[in-house]
Amino acid sequence: MRALRLILKVIDSISQQAGSLARWLCPALVLVGAYDVILRYAFNAPTVWAYETMIMLGGATYALGWAYTHLHKSHIRVDILYTRLSPRKKALTDLICAAVFFFPMMAILIRTSLWWAVEAWSIGEVMIESYWYPPAAPFRTAIAVGICLFTLQGLAQFIRDLYFVIRRKALD
């Protein structure tokens, strides 16, 4: 049991660190956007690189933030009935939904995003939204890492919910 708690603590720590990293991408995104807008409208000299840089920074922010958001139970939930359930029934509902929806979808996303990232590195893929043509592999890798971390945090929550349903006490 001690080992399981340690593993869950490590997963939570990784998710927390990923969220902290994602947080630092936000000011970079704002600065790049502001720089481009100022050059575009004040000096009539738009950049070639800002648009794709903002896409990559924004996407990486979202992807690296998924696990953090799941750790803090901040994802949007339709709780028409859910809020009226007992804590045990909520955990049971979360278990069923994770088994039926979350893990199958994450398996598909992991497989696809990892293939996408490996392919981007192997062929030297570039982004084609502008004439800048930056490498796509770092962005594709950030998305794959984000999906893997989100799945890992989902597994940690699944273990906690399962423990709660069986033992009727929280596993922290």
Foldseek 3Di string as FASTA:
>chain_A
DVVLLVLLVVLLVQLVVLLVVLVVLVVVLVVLVVVQVCCCPVVVHGDQPSVVSNVLSVLLSVLSNLLVCVSVVNDDDDPPPLVVDDLLVNLVVLLVCCVPPVVVVLVVVLVVLVVVLVVLVVVQAFDDPGPPGHRCNVSSVSNNVSSVSNVSSSVSSNVQSVCCNVVVDGRD
